[in-house]
Amino acid sequence: MGRYTGPKEKLSRREGVDLGLKGERALGGKSAMERRPYPPGQHGRGRRRASEYSVRMRAKQRAKSMYGLRERQFAKLFDRANREEGMAGENLMRHLEQRLDNVVYRLGLATTRAQARQFVVHQHIMVNGKRLDRPSYEVSAGDEVAVKTGTAIEPMARQSTETAGPTPAWLLADHDGLKGTVNRLPDRSDISAPIEERLIVEHYSR
């Protein structure tokens, strides 16, 4: 199944939280979550009791939508996290945060992860001086992530830095230079995401 290309804010309304899929609209107070804070569809305002399966599945769908992964990508990433030492849920969250498109977004160089993904795919982003076109690339401690000098996206990236929120503690942003450094790998306490990874682990372990 291909990547979802429908209305982005419908995903946020379905999950009941702002997934950060429409950065500029949210900043301008035009978010659909504020205007219509209930699930989409004709039965969106009705009360429906969610089953245990539905709760766990929605937790997985929320993470997929937030980070922009396809089903197969997400399942493979979970399988990898589950085979590593430590807690599978925390491993999964760390891998999601280390993705290059997410790092570009977290540094404030893009307004959304989708925009960051586009920047990477079109080779506007450099890691340690080398252009990369793979959004799934996972950064390491000490890596420098920067917008390529003279590229066409510079005005958009600079505009994004003007409205960017606080940078996570595991990253160091240099907005003037349109770049940032990975200080260390993220801990779960560094990750501000409305995701309950425990439910995702339970979903795949059923």
N, C-alpha and C. Protein backbone atom coordinates (compact mmCIF):
# COMPACT_ATOMS: atom_id res chain seq x y z
N MET A 1 0.85 -1.21 0.00
CA MET A 1 0.00 0.00 0.00
C MET A 1 0.87 1.23 0.00
N GLY A 2 0.52 2.24 -0.83
CA GLY A 2 1.33 3.44 -0.94
C GLY A 2 1.15 4.37 0.24
N ARG A 3 1.91 5.46 0.22
CA ARG A 3 1.83 6.44 1.29
C ARG A 3 0.49 7.19 1.22
N TYR A 4 -0.05 7.52 2.38
CA TYR A 4 -1.33 8.22 2.45
C TYR A 4 -1.18 9.62 1.84
N THR A 5 -2.10 9.97 0.94
CA THR A 5 -2.02 11.26 0.27
C THR A 5 -3.30 12.07 0.46
N GLY A 6 -4.18 11.62 1.34
CA GLY A 6 -5.43 12.33 1.58
C GLY A 6 -5.24 13.52 2.50
N PRO A 7 -6.34 14.09 2.99
CA PRO A 7 -6.27 15.25 3.89
C PRO A 7 -5.47 14.93 5.14
N LYS A 8 -4.42 15.68 5.39
CA LYS A 8 -3.52 15.39 6.50
C LYS A 8 -4.20 15.56 7.87
N GLU A 9 -4.98 16.62 8.01
CA GLU A 9 -5.57 16.90 9.32
C GLU A 9 -6.66 15.90 9.69
N LYS A 10 -7.16 15.16 8.70
CA LYS A 10 -8.14 14.12 9.01
C LYS A 10 -7.49 13.04 9.87
N LEU A 11 -6.19 12.81 9.64
CA LEU A 11 -5.47 11.82 10.45
C LEU A 11 -5.38 12.28 11.91
N SER A 12 -5.10 13.56 12.11
CA SER A 12 -5.03 14.09 13.48
C SER A 12 -6.39 14.00 14.16
N ARG A 13 -7.46 14.34 13.45
CA ARG A 13 -8.79 14.27 14.03
C ARG A 13 -9.17 12.83 14.36
N ARG A 14 -8.75 11.90 13.53
CA ARG A 14 -9.05 10.49 13.78
C ARG A 14 -8.38 10.00 15.05
N GLU A 15 -7.15 10.50 15.30
CA GLU A 15 -6.41 10.06 16.48
C GLU A 15 -6.72 10.89 17.72
N GLY A 16 -7.34 12.05 17.53
CA GLY A 16 -7.71 12.87 18.67
C GLY A 16 -6.59 13.73 19.22
N VAL A 17 -5.46 13.80 18.53
CA VAL A 17 -4.33 14.63 18.95
C VAL A 17 -3.71 15.28 17.72
N ASP A 18 -3.02 16.40 17.94
CA ASP A 18 -2.32 17.08 16.84
C ASP A 18 -1.04 16.30 16.54
N LEU A 19 -0.94 15.76 15.35
CA LEU A 19 0.22 14.96 14.95
C LEU A 19 1.29 15.81 14.26
N GLY A 20 1.09 17.11 14.20
CA GLY A 20 2.08 17.99 13.59
C GLY A 20 2.18 17.85 12.09
N LEU A 21 1.08 17.50 11.44
CA LEU A 21 1.11 17.25 10.00
C LEU A 21 0.88 18.52 9.18
N LYS A 22 0.39 19.60 9.82
CA LYS A 22 0.13 20.87 9.14
C LYS A 22 0.67 22.00 10.01
N GLY A 23 1.97 22.18 9.97
CA GLY A 23 2.62 23.13 10.86
C GLY A 23 2.12 24.56 10.75
N GLU A 24 2.07 25.10 9.53
CA GLU A 24 1.69 26.50 9.33
C GLU A 24 0.24 26.75 9.72
N ARG A 25 -0.66 25.81 9.41
CA ARG A 25 -2.07 25.99 9.76
C ARG A 25 -2.24 25.99 11.28
N ALA A 26 -1.51 25.12 11.96
CA ALA A 26 -1.61 25.06 13.42
C ALA A 26 -1.11 26.35 14.04
N LEU A 27 -0.01 26.89 13.53
CA LEU A 27 0.54 28.14 14.06
C LEU A 27 -0.40 29.31 13.81
N GLY A 28 -1.15 29.25 12.72
CA GLY A 28 -2.06 30.33 12.39
C GLY A 28 -3.43 30.21 13.03
N GLY A 29 -3.59 29.19 13.90
CA GLY A 29 -4.86 29.00 14.57
C GLY A 29 -5.95 28.45 13.68
N LYS A 30 -5.58 27.84 12.55
CA LYS A 30 -6.57 27.32 11.62
C LYS A 30 -6.62 25.79 11.60
N SER A 31 -6.03 25.18 12.62
CA SER A 31 -5.99 23.73 12.68
C SER A 31 -7.40 23.15 12.75
N ALA A 32 -7.62 22.08 12.00
CA ALA A 32 -8.92 21.40 12.03
C ALA A 32 -9.19 20.80 13.40
N MET A 33 -8.14 20.48 14.15
CA MET A 33 -8.30 19.94 15.49
C MET A 33 -8.95 20.96 16.41
N GLU A 34 -8.72 22.24 16.18
CA GLU A 34 -9.33 23.28 17.00
C GLU A 34 -10.77 23.56 16.56
N ARG A 35 -10.99 23.52 15.26
CA ARG A 35 -12.32 23.84 14.75
C ARG A 35 -13.29 22.66 14.86
N ARG A 36 -12.75 21.45 14.67
CA ARG A 36 -13.60 20.25 14.74
C ARG A 36 -12.88 19.16 15.55
N PRO A 37 -12.87 19.29 16.87
CA PRO A 37 -12.12 18.36 17.73
C PRO A 37 -12.85 17.03 17.96
N TYR A 38 -13.24 16.40 16.87
CA TYR A 38 -13.89 15.09 16.96
C TYR A 38 -13.53 14.30 15.70
N PRO A 39 -13.65 12.97 15.72
CA PRO A 39 -13.26 12.15 14.57
C PRO A 39 -14.04 12.52 13.32
N PRO A 40 -13.45 12.32 12.14
CA PRO A 40 -14.15 12.63 10.89
C PRO A 40 -15.26 11.62 10.61
N GLY A 41 -16.13 11.97 9.69
CA GLY A 41 -17.21 11.06 9.32
C GLY A 41 -18.52 11.41 9.98
N GLN A 42 -19.62 10.83 9.48
CA GLN A 42 -20.95 11.18 9.97
C GLN A 42 -21.20 10.70 11.40
N HIS A 43 -20.41 9.72 11.85
CA HIS A 43 -20.58 9.22 13.22
C HIS A 43 -19.48 9.72 14.14
N GLY A 44 -18.75 10.74 13.70
CA GLY A 44 -17.60 11.22 14.46
C GLY A 44 -17.94 11.73 15.85
N ARG A 45 -19.14 12.32 15.99
CA ARG A 45 -19.51 12.89 17.29
C ARG A 45 -20.17 11.87 18.21
N GLY A 46 -20.44 10.70 17.69
CA GLY A 46 -21.09 9.68 18.50
C GLY A 46 -20.14 9.04 19.49
N ARG A 47 -20.69 8.41 20.47
CA ARG A 47 -19.87 7.72 21.47
C ARG A 47 -19.76 6.25 21.09
N ARG A 48 -18.56 5.81 20.89
CA ARG A 48 -18.33 4.41 20.55
C ARG A 48 -17.32 3.82 21.51
N ARG A 49 -17.66 2.69 22.05
CA ARG A 49 -16.74 2.03 22.98
C ARG A 49 -15.68 1.29 22.19
N ALA A 50 -14.42 1.64 22.43
CA ALA A 50 -13.32 1.02 21.69
C ALA A 50 -12.92 -0.29 22.33
N SER A 51 -12.69 -1.31 21.49
CA SER A 51 -12.22 -2.60 21.99
C SER A 51 -10.74 -2.50 22.33
N GLU A 52 -10.22 -3.50 23.05
CA GLU A 52 -8.80 -3.51 23.38
C GLU A 52 -7.95 -3.55 22.11
N TYR A 53 -8.40 -4.33 21.13
CA TYR A 53 -7.67 -4.40 19.86
C TYR A 53 -7.63 -3.04 19.19
N SER A 54 -8.78 -2.35 19.19
CA SER A 54 -8.86 -1.04 18.55
C SER A 54 -7.93 -0.04 19.22
N VAL A 55 -7.86 -0.05 20.54
CA VAL A 55 -6.99 0.88 21.27
C VAL A 55 -5.54 0.65 20.89
N ARG A 56 -5.13 -0.62 20.82
CA ARG A 56 -3.74 -0.94 20.48
C ARG A 56 -3.43 -0.61 19.03
N MET A 57 -4.38 -0.92 18.16
CA MET A 57 -4.18 -0.65 16.74
C MET A 57 -4.09 0.85 16.48
N ARG A 58 -4.92 1.64 17.18
CA ARG A 58 -4.89 3.08 17.00
C ARG A 58 -3.57 3.67 17.48
N ALA A 59 -2.99 3.09 18.53
CA ALA A 59 -1.69 3.56 19.01
C ALA A 59 -0.63 3.37 17.93
N LYS A 60 -0.70 2.24 17.24
CA LYS A 60 0.24 1.96 16.15
C LYS A 60 -0.01 2.89 14.98
N GLN A 61 -1.27 3.11 14.63
CA GLN A 61 -1.62 3.99 13.52
C GLN A 61 -1.20 5.43 13.81
N ARG A 62 -1.31 5.83 15.07
CA ARG A 62 -0.92 7.18 15.46
C ARG A 62 0.57 7.40 15.21
N ALA A 63 1.39 6.43 15.62
CA ALA A 63 2.84 6.54 15.42
C ALA A 63 3.18 6.53 13.94
N LYS A 64 2.53 5.66 13.18
CA LYS A 64 2.76 5.60 11.73
C LYS A 64 2.44 6.93 11.06
N SER A 65 1.29 7.50 11.42
CA SER A 65 0.87 8.76 10.80
C SER A 65 1.80 9.89 11.19
N MET A 66 2.19 9.93 12.45
CA MET A 66 3.02 11.02 12.94
C MET A 66 4.38 11.04 12.25
N TYR A 67 5.00 9.88 12.09
CA TYR A 67 6.34 9.82 11.49
C TYR A 67 6.31 9.55 9.99
N GLY A 68 5.12 9.33 9.43
CA GLY A 68 4.99 9.20 7.98
C GLY A 68 5.52 7.91 7.40
N LEU A 69 5.34 6.79 8.12
CA LEU A 69 5.83 5.51 7.63
C LEU A 69 4.70 4.67 7.04
N ARG A 70 5.05 3.82 6.09
CA ARG A 70 4.10 2.86 5.58
C ARG A 70 4.02 1.67 6.54
N GLU A 71 3.00 0.84 6.35
CA GLU A 71 2.78 -0.30 7.24
C GLU A 71 3.98 -1.24 7.26
N ARG A 72 4.50 -1.57 6.08
CA ARG A 72 5.62 -2.51 6.03
C ARG A 72 6.88 -1.91 6.65
N GLN A 73 7.11 -0.63 6.40
CA GLN A 73 8.26 0.05 7.00
C GLN A 73 8.18 0.00 8.52
N PHE A 74 7.00 0.30 9.04
CA PHE A 74 6.82 0.35 10.49
C PHE A 74 6.99 -1.02 11.11
N ALA A 75 6.41 -2.04 10.47
CA ALA A 75 6.52 -3.41 11.00
C ALA A 75 7.97 -3.87 11.02
N LYS A 76 8.72 -3.56 9.97
CA LYS A 76 10.13 -3.95 9.93
C LYS A 76 10.94 -3.22 11.00
N LEU A 77 10.61 -1.96 11.23
CA LEU A 77 11.32 -1.19 12.25
C LEU A 77 11.01 -1.74 13.64
N PHE A 78 9.76 -2.14 13.86
CA PHE A 78 9.42 -2.71 15.16
C PHE A 78 10.13 -4.04 15.36
N ASP A 79 10.18 -4.85 14.32
CA ASP A 79 10.86 -6.15 14.42
C ASP A 79 12.33 -5.95 14.77
N ARG A 80 12.94 -4.96 14.19
CA ARG A 80 14.34 -4.64 14.50
C ARG A 80 14.49 -4.21 15.95
N ALA A 81 13.58 -3.32 16.39
CA ALA A 81 13.63 -2.84 17.78
C ALA A 81 13.39 -3.96 18.77
N ASN A 82 12.53 -4.89 18.40
CA ASN A 82 12.18 -6.00 19.29
C ASN A 82 13.33 -6.99 19.46
N ARG A 83 14.22 -7.07 18.46
CA ARG A 83 15.35 -7.99 18.51
C ARG A 83 16.55 -7.41 19.24
N GLU A 84 16.52 -6.11 19.51
CA GLU A 84 17.63 -5.45 20.19
C GLU A 84 17.50 -5.58 21.71
N GLU A 85 18.59 -5.34 22.40
CA GLU A 85 18.56 -5.36 23.86
C GLU A 85 17.74 -4.17 24.37
N GLY A 86 17.16 -4.34 25.55
CA GLY A 86 16.37 -3.27 26.13
C GLY A 86 14.89 -3.44 25.84
N MET A 87 14.13 -2.40 26.12
CA MET A 87 12.68 -2.43 25.93
C MET A 87 12.33 -2.12 24.49
N ALA A 88 11.53 -2.98 23.89
CA ALA A 88 11.21 -2.86 22.47
C ALA A 88 10.55 -1.51 22.16
N GLY A 89 9.65 -1.05 23.01
CA GLY A 89 8.96 0.21 22.76
C GLY A 89 9.90 1.40 22.75
N GLU A 90 10.82 1.44 23.72
CA GLU A 90 11.78 2.55 23.78
C GLU A 90 12.75 2.47 22.61
N ASN A 91 13.14 1.27 22.22
CA ASN A 91 14.02 1.10 21.06
C ASN A 91 13.34 1.62 19.80
N LEU A 92 12.04 1.31 19.68
CA LEU A 92 11.27 1.76 18.51
C LEU A 92 11.23 3.29 18.45
N MET A 93 10.93 3.92 19.58
CA MET A 93 10.85 5.38 19.61
C MET A 93 12.20 6.01 19.28
N ARG A 94 13.28 5.42 19.75
CA ARG A 94 14.61 5.96 19.46
C ARG A 94 14.90 5.88 17.97
N HIS A 95 14.57 4.74 17.34
CA HIS A 95 14.81 4.60 15.90
C HIS A 95 13.97 5.59 15.10
N LEU A 96 12.74 5.82 15.52
CA LEU A 96 11.88 6.78 14.82
C LEU A 96 12.46 8.19 14.91
N GLU A 97 12.97 8.55 16.08
CA GLU A 97 13.52 9.88 16.27
C GLU A 97 14.83 10.08 15.51
N GLN A 98 15.60 9.00 15.33
CA GLN A 98 16.90 9.11 14.65
C GLN A 98 16.77 9.22 13.14
N ARG A 99 15.58 9.03 12.61
CA ARG A 99 15.40 9.16 11.16
C ARG A 99 15.80 10.57 10.71
N LEU A 100 16.44 10.66 9.57
CA LEU A 100 16.95 11.95 9.09
C LEU A 100 15.82 12.96 8.88
N ASP A 101 14.69 12.52 8.32
CA ASP A 101 13.60 13.48 8.10
C ASP A 101 13.09 14.03 9.42
N ASN A 102 13.03 13.19 10.44
CA ASN A 102 12.58 13.66 11.76
C ASN A 102 13.59 14.62 12.38
N VAL A 103 14.88 14.36 12.20
CA VAL A 103 15.92 15.23 12.76
C VAL A 103 15.85 16.61 12.12
N VAL A 104 15.66 16.65 10.80
CA VAL A 104 15.52 17.94 10.10
C VAL A 104 14.33 18.71 10.68
N TYR A 105 13.24 18.00 10.93
CA TYR A 105 12.04 18.63 11.51
C TYR A 105 12.30 19.08 12.94
N ARG A 106 12.93 18.23 13.74
CA ARG A 106 13.19 18.57 15.14
C ARG A 106 14.16 19.75 15.27
N LEU A 107 15.05 19.91 14.31
CA LEU A 107 15.99 21.04 14.34
C LEU A 107 15.32 22.35 13.93
N GLY A 108 14.08 22.25 13.46
CA GLY A 108 13.36 23.46 13.06
C GLY A 108 13.65 23.90 11.64
N LEU A 109 14.26 23.02 10.83
CA LEU A 109 14.60 23.38 9.46
C LEU A 109 13.45 23.10 8.49
N ALA A 110 12.37 22.51 8.98
CA ALA A 110 11.17 22.26 8.19
C ALA A 110 9.97 22.37 9.11
N THR A 111 8.83 22.76 8.56
CA THR A 111 7.64 22.96 9.39
C THR A 111 6.93 21.65 9.73
N THR A 112 7.12 20.64 8.88
CA THR A 112 6.51 19.33 9.13
C THR A 112 7.50 18.24 8.73
N ARG A 113 7.23 17.02 9.17
CA ARG A 113 8.08 15.90 8.76
C ARG A 113 7.94 15.61 7.27
N ALA A 114 6.75 15.85 6.73
CA ALA A 114 6.55 15.63 5.29
C ALA A 114 7.41 16.59 4.48
N GLN A 115 7.49 17.84 4.91
CA GLN A 115 8.34 18.81 4.22
C GLN A 115 9.80 18.42 4.37
N ALA A 116 10.18 17.98 5.57
CA ALA A 116 11.56 17.55 5.80
C ALA A 116 11.91 16.36 4.92
N ARG A 117 10.96 15.44 4.76
CA ARG A 117 11.18 14.27 3.91
C ARG A 117 11.43 14.71 2.47
N GLN A 118 10.67 15.70 2.01
CA GLN A 118 10.85 16.20 0.65
C GLN A 118 12.21 16.86 0.49
N PHE A 119 12.63 17.63 1.49
CA PHE A 119 13.95 18.25 1.43
C PHE A 119 15.04 17.20 1.27
N VAL A 120 14.91 16.10 2.03
CA VAL A 120 15.93 15.05 1.99
C VAL A 120 15.92 14.33 0.64
N VAL A 121 14.72 13.95 0.18
CA VAL A 121 14.60 13.20 -1.08
C VAL A 121 15.19 13.98 -2.25
N HIS A 122 15.04 15.31 -2.23
CA HIS A 122 15.56 16.14 -3.32
C HIS A 122 17.00 16.61 -3.08
N GLN A 123 17.65 15.97 -2.09
CA GLN A 123 19.08 16.17 -1.84
C GLN A 123 19.44 17.61 -1.45
N HIS A 124 18.57 18.23 -0.68
CA HIS A 124 18.87 19.56 -0.16
C HIS A 124 19.52 19.50 1.22
N ILE A 125 19.60 18.30 1.81
CA ILE A 125 20.12 18.13 3.15
C ILE A 125 21.44 17.37 3.11
N MET A 126 22.38 17.84 3.92
CA MET A 126 23.70 17.21 3.98
C MET A 126 23.95 16.68 5.39
N VAL A 127 24.61 15.54 5.47
CA VAL A 127 25.03 14.96 6.75
C VAL A 127 26.54 14.81 6.70
N ASN A 128 27.20 15.52 7.57
CA ASN A 128 28.68 15.51 7.60
C ASN A 128 29.27 15.88 6.25
N GLY A 129 28.63 16.85 5.59
CA GLY A 129 29.15 17.36 4.32
C GLY A 129 28.77 16.56 3.10
N LYS A 130 27.99 15.49 3.26
CA LYS A 130 27.58 14.66 2.12
C LYS A 130 26.07 14.73 1.93
N ARG A 131 25.64 14.88 0.68
CA ARG A 131 24.22 14.92 0.39
C ARG A 131 23.61 13.53 0.51
N LEU A 132 22.46 13.45 1.17
CA LEU A 132 21.74 12.19 1.31
C LEU A 132 20.33 12.36 0.77
N ASP A 133 19.77 11.28 0.23
CA ASP A 133 18.41 11.34 -0.30
C ASP A 133 17.52 10.26 0.33
N ARG A 134 17.91 9.77 1.51
CA ARG A 134 17.18 8.69 2.17
C ARG A 134 16.61 9.17 3.50
N PRO A 135 15.31 9.46 3.56
CA PRO A 135 14.71 9.95 4.81
C PRO A 135 14.86 8.99 5.98
N SER A 136 14.97 7.69 5.69
CA SER A 136 15.05 6.68 6.75
C SER A 136 16.46 6.55 7.33
N TYR A 137 17.43 7.27 6.77
CA TYR A 137 18.79 7.21 7.30
C TYR A 137 18.78 7.61 8.77
N GLU A 138 19.45 6.83 9.61
CA GLU A 138 19.47 7.12 11.04
C GLU A 138 20.78 7.81 11.42
N VAL A 139 20.64 8.97 12.02
CA VAL A 139 21.81 9.75 12.42
C VAL A 139 22.48 9.11 13.62
N SER A 140 23.76 9.46 13.83
CA SER A 140 24.53 8.98 14.96
C SER A 140 25.03 10.17 15.77
N ALA A 141 25.46 9.90 16.99
CA ALA A 141 26.01 10.96 17.83
C ALA A 141 27.20 11.61 17.14
N GLY A 142 27.24 12.93 17.12
CA GLY A 142 28.33 13.67 16.49
C GLY A 142 28.06 14.09 15.06
N ASP A 143 27.00 13.57 14.45
CA ASP A 143 26.67 13.94 13.07
C ASP A 143 26.23 15.41 12.99
N GLU A 144 26.61 16.05 11.88
CA GLU A 144 26.15 17.41 11.60
C GLU A 144 25.15 17.35 10.44
N VAL A 145 23.99 17.90 10.65
CA VAL A 145 22.93 17.93 9.64
C VAL A 145 22.73 19.37 9.20
N ALA A 146 22.80 19.64 7.90
CA ALA A 146 22.73 21.03 7.43
C ALA A 146 21.99 21.13 6.10
N VAL A 147 21.38 22.29 5.89
CA VAL A 147 20.80 22.59 4.59
C VAL A 147 21.94 22.95 3.64
N LYS A 148 21.94 22.37 2.44
CA LYS A 148 23.00 22.63 1.47
C LYS A 148 23.03 24.12 1.11
N THR A 149 24.20 24.70 1.17
CA THR A 149 24.37 26.12 0.88
C THR A 149 23.97 26.44 -0.56
N GLY A 150 23.17 27.49 -0.73
CA GLY A 150 22.77 27.93 -2.06
C GLY A 150 21.60 27.18 -2.66
N THR A 151 21.04 26.24 -1.90
CA THR A 151 19.93 25.46 -2.44
C THR A 151 18.65 26.28 -2.45
N ALA A 152 17.69 25.85 -3.27
CA ALA A 152 16.45 26.61 -3.45
C ALA A 152 15.56 26.63 -2.22
N ILE A 153 15.78 25.71 -1.29
CA ILE A 153 14.89 25.64 -0.12
C ILE A 153 15.36 26.54 1.03
N GLU A 154 16.47 27.22 0.86
CA GLU A 154 17.00 28.06 1.95
C GLU A 154 15.96 29.02 2.51
N PRO A 155 15.21 29.77 1.67
CA PRO A 155 14.20 30.68 2.22
C PRO A 155 13.14 29.96 3.05
N MET A 156 12.70 28.78 2.60
CA MET A 156 11.70 28.03 3.34
C MET A 156 12.25 27.53 4.66
N ALA A 157 13.49 27.05 4.64
CA ALA A 157 14.12 26.56 5.86
C ALA A 157 14.30 27.69 6.86
N ARG A 158 14.72 28.85 6.37
CA ARG A 158 14.93 29.99 7.27
C ARG A 158 13.61 30.48 7.85
N GLN A 159 12.57 30.46 7.05
CA GLN A 159 11.25 30.85 7.55
C GLN A 159 10.77 29.86 8.61
N SER A 160 11.09 28.59 8.41
CA SER A 160 10.69 27.58 9.39
C SER A 160 11.38 27.79 10.73
N THR A 161 12.65 28.20 10.70
CA THR A 161 13.38 28.40 11.96
C THR A 161 12.77 29.53 12.78
N GLU A 162 12.10 30.47 12.12
CA GLU A 162 11.52 31.62 12.82
C GLU A 162 10.32 31.23 13.67
N THR A 163 9.69 30.12 13.33
CA THR A 163 8.51 29.67 14.08
C THR A 163 8.75 28.34 14.79
N ALA A 164 10.00 27.88 14.77
CA ALA A 164 10.32 26.57 15.35
C ALA A 164 10.17 26.59 16.87
N GLY A 165 9.74 25.47 17.41
CA GLY A 165 9.63 25.32 18.85
C GLY A 165 10.99 24.99 19.45
N PRO A 166 11.03 24.65 20.73
CA PRO A 166 12.30 24.32 21.39
C PRO A 166 12.94 23.07 20.80
N THR A 167 14.25 23.09 20.69
CA THR A 167 14.99 21.95 20.15
C THR A 167 15.19 20.91 21.24
N PRO A 168 14.96 19.62 20.95
CA PRO A 168 15.18 18.58 21.97
C PRO A 168 16.61 18.61 22.50
N ALA A 169 16.78 18.14 23.74
CA ALA A 169 18.08 18.22 24.41
C ALA A 169 19.16 17.42 23.71
N TRP A 170 18.78 16.40 22.93
CA TRP A 170 19.79 15.56 22.29
C TRP A 170 20.31 16.17 20.98
N LEU A 171 19.72 17.31 20.59
CA LEU A 171 20.14 18.01 19.39
C LEU A 171 20.58 19.43 19.73
N LEU A 172 21.49 19.97 18.92
CA LEU A 172 21.93 21.36 19.08
C LEU A 172 21.70 22.07 17.75
N ALA A 173 20.80 23.04 17.75
CA ALA A 173 20.43 23.74 16.51
C ALA A 173 21.21 25.03 16.35
N ASP A 174 21.61 25.30 15.11
CA ASP A 174 22.23 26.57 14.73
C ASP A 174 21.37 27.14 13.61
N HIS A 175 20.35 27.91 13.98
CA HIS A 175 19.39 28.40 12.99
C HIS A 175 20.01 29.43 12.05
N ASP A 176 20.96 30.19 12.53
CA ASP A 176 21.62 31.16 11.65
C ASP A 176 22.37 30.45 10.54
N GLY A 177 22.99 29.33 10.87
CA GLY A 177 23.75 28.57 9.88
C GLY A 177 22.93 27.50 9.19
N LEU A 178 21.62 27.40 9.53
CA LEU A 178 20.72 26.39 8.96
C LEU A 178 21.33 24.99 9.10
N LYS A 179 21.72 24.67 10.31
CA LYS A 179 22.32 23.36 10.56
C LYS A 179 22.13 22.98 12.02
N GLY A 180 22.55 21.79 12.35
CA GLY A 180 22.45 21.31 13.72
C GLY A 180 23.36 20.12 13.93
N THR A 181 23.58 19.80 15.19
CA THR A 181 24.47 18.69 15.56
C THR A 181 23.73 17.71 16.46
N VAL A 182 24.02 16.43 16.27
CA VAL A 182 23.45 15.39 17.13
C VAL A 182 24.38 15.23 18.33
N ASN A 183 23.96 15.76 19.49
CA ASN A 183 24.80 15.68 20.68
C ASN A 183 24.95 14.25 21.18
N ARG A 184 23.84 13.52 21.15
CA ARG A 184 23.79 12.15 21.64
C ARG A 184 22.54 11.50 21.10
N LEU A 185 22.41 10.19 21.30
CA LEU A 185 21.18 9.52 20.89
C LEU A 185 20.07 9.84 21.89
N PRO A 186 18.83 9.90 21.43
CA PRO A 186 17.73 10.31 22.31
C PRO A 186 17.33 9.25 23.32
N ASP A 187 16.95 9.71 24.51
CA ASP A 187 16.31 8.86 25.51
C ASP A 187 14.81 9.06 25.36
N ARG A 188 14.04 8.16 25.95
CA ARG A 188 12.58 8.29 25.85
C ARG A 188 12.10 9.60 26.48
N SER A 189 12.79 10.05 27.52
CA SER A 189 12.39 11.30 28.18
C SER A 189 12.61 12.52 27.29
N ASP A 190 13.42 12.37 26.22
CA ASP A 190 13.69 13.48 25.30
C ASP A 190 12.60 13.62 24.24
N ILE A 191 11.77 12.59 24.10
CA ILE A 191 10.85 12.52 22.97
C ILE A 191 9.45 12.97 23.36
N SER A 192 9.07 14.14 22.86
CA SER A 192 7.73 14.67 23.13
C SER A 192 6.80 14.25 22.00
N ALA A 193 6.20 13.10 22.16
CA ALA A 193 5.30 12.57 21.14
C ALA A 193 4.12 11.90 21.84
N PRO A 194 2.89 12.17 21.39
CA PRO A 194 1.70 11.59 22.03
C PRO A 194 1.51 10.13 21.64
N ILE A 195 2.50 9.32 21.96
CA ILE A 195 2.50 7.91 21.56
C ILE A 195 2.71 7.03 22.78
N GLU A 196 1.89 6.00 22.91
CA GLU A 196 2.04 5.02 23.97
C GLU A 196 2.66 3.76 23.37
N GLU A 197 3.97 3.69 23.42
CA GLU A 197 4.66 2.58 22.77
C GLU A 197 4.33 1.23 23.39
N ARG A 198 3.90 1.22 24.66
CA ARG A 198 3.51 -0.03 25.31
C ARG A 198 2.37 -0.69 24.55
N LEU A 199 1.42 0.12 24.09
CA LEU A 199 0.29 -0.42 23.34
C LEU A 199 0.72 -0.95 21.98
N ILE A 200 1.74 -0.34 21.38
CA ILE A 200 2.25 -0.82 20.10
C ILE A 200 2.91 -2.18 20.27
N VAL A 201 3.67 -2.34 21.35
CA VAL A 201 4.30 -3.63 21.65
C VAL A 201 3.23 -4.69 21.85
N GLU A 202 2.16 -4.35 22.60
CA GLU A 202 1.09 -5.29 22.83
C GLU A 202 0.37 -5.65 21.53
N HIS A 203 0.24 -4.66 20.63
CA HIS A 203 -0.43 -4.92 19.34
C HIS A 203 0.34 -5.95 18.53
N TYR A 204 1.66 -5.82 18.46
CA TYR A 204 2.46 -6.77 17.67
C TYR A 204 2.71 -8.09 18.40
N SER A 205 2.44 -8.12 19.71
CA SER A 205 2.69 -9.33 20.48
C SER A 205 1.45 -10.17 20.68
N ARG A 206 0.34 -9.72 20.13
CA ARG A 206 -0.92 -10.43 20.38
C ARG A 206 -0.94 -11.82 19.72
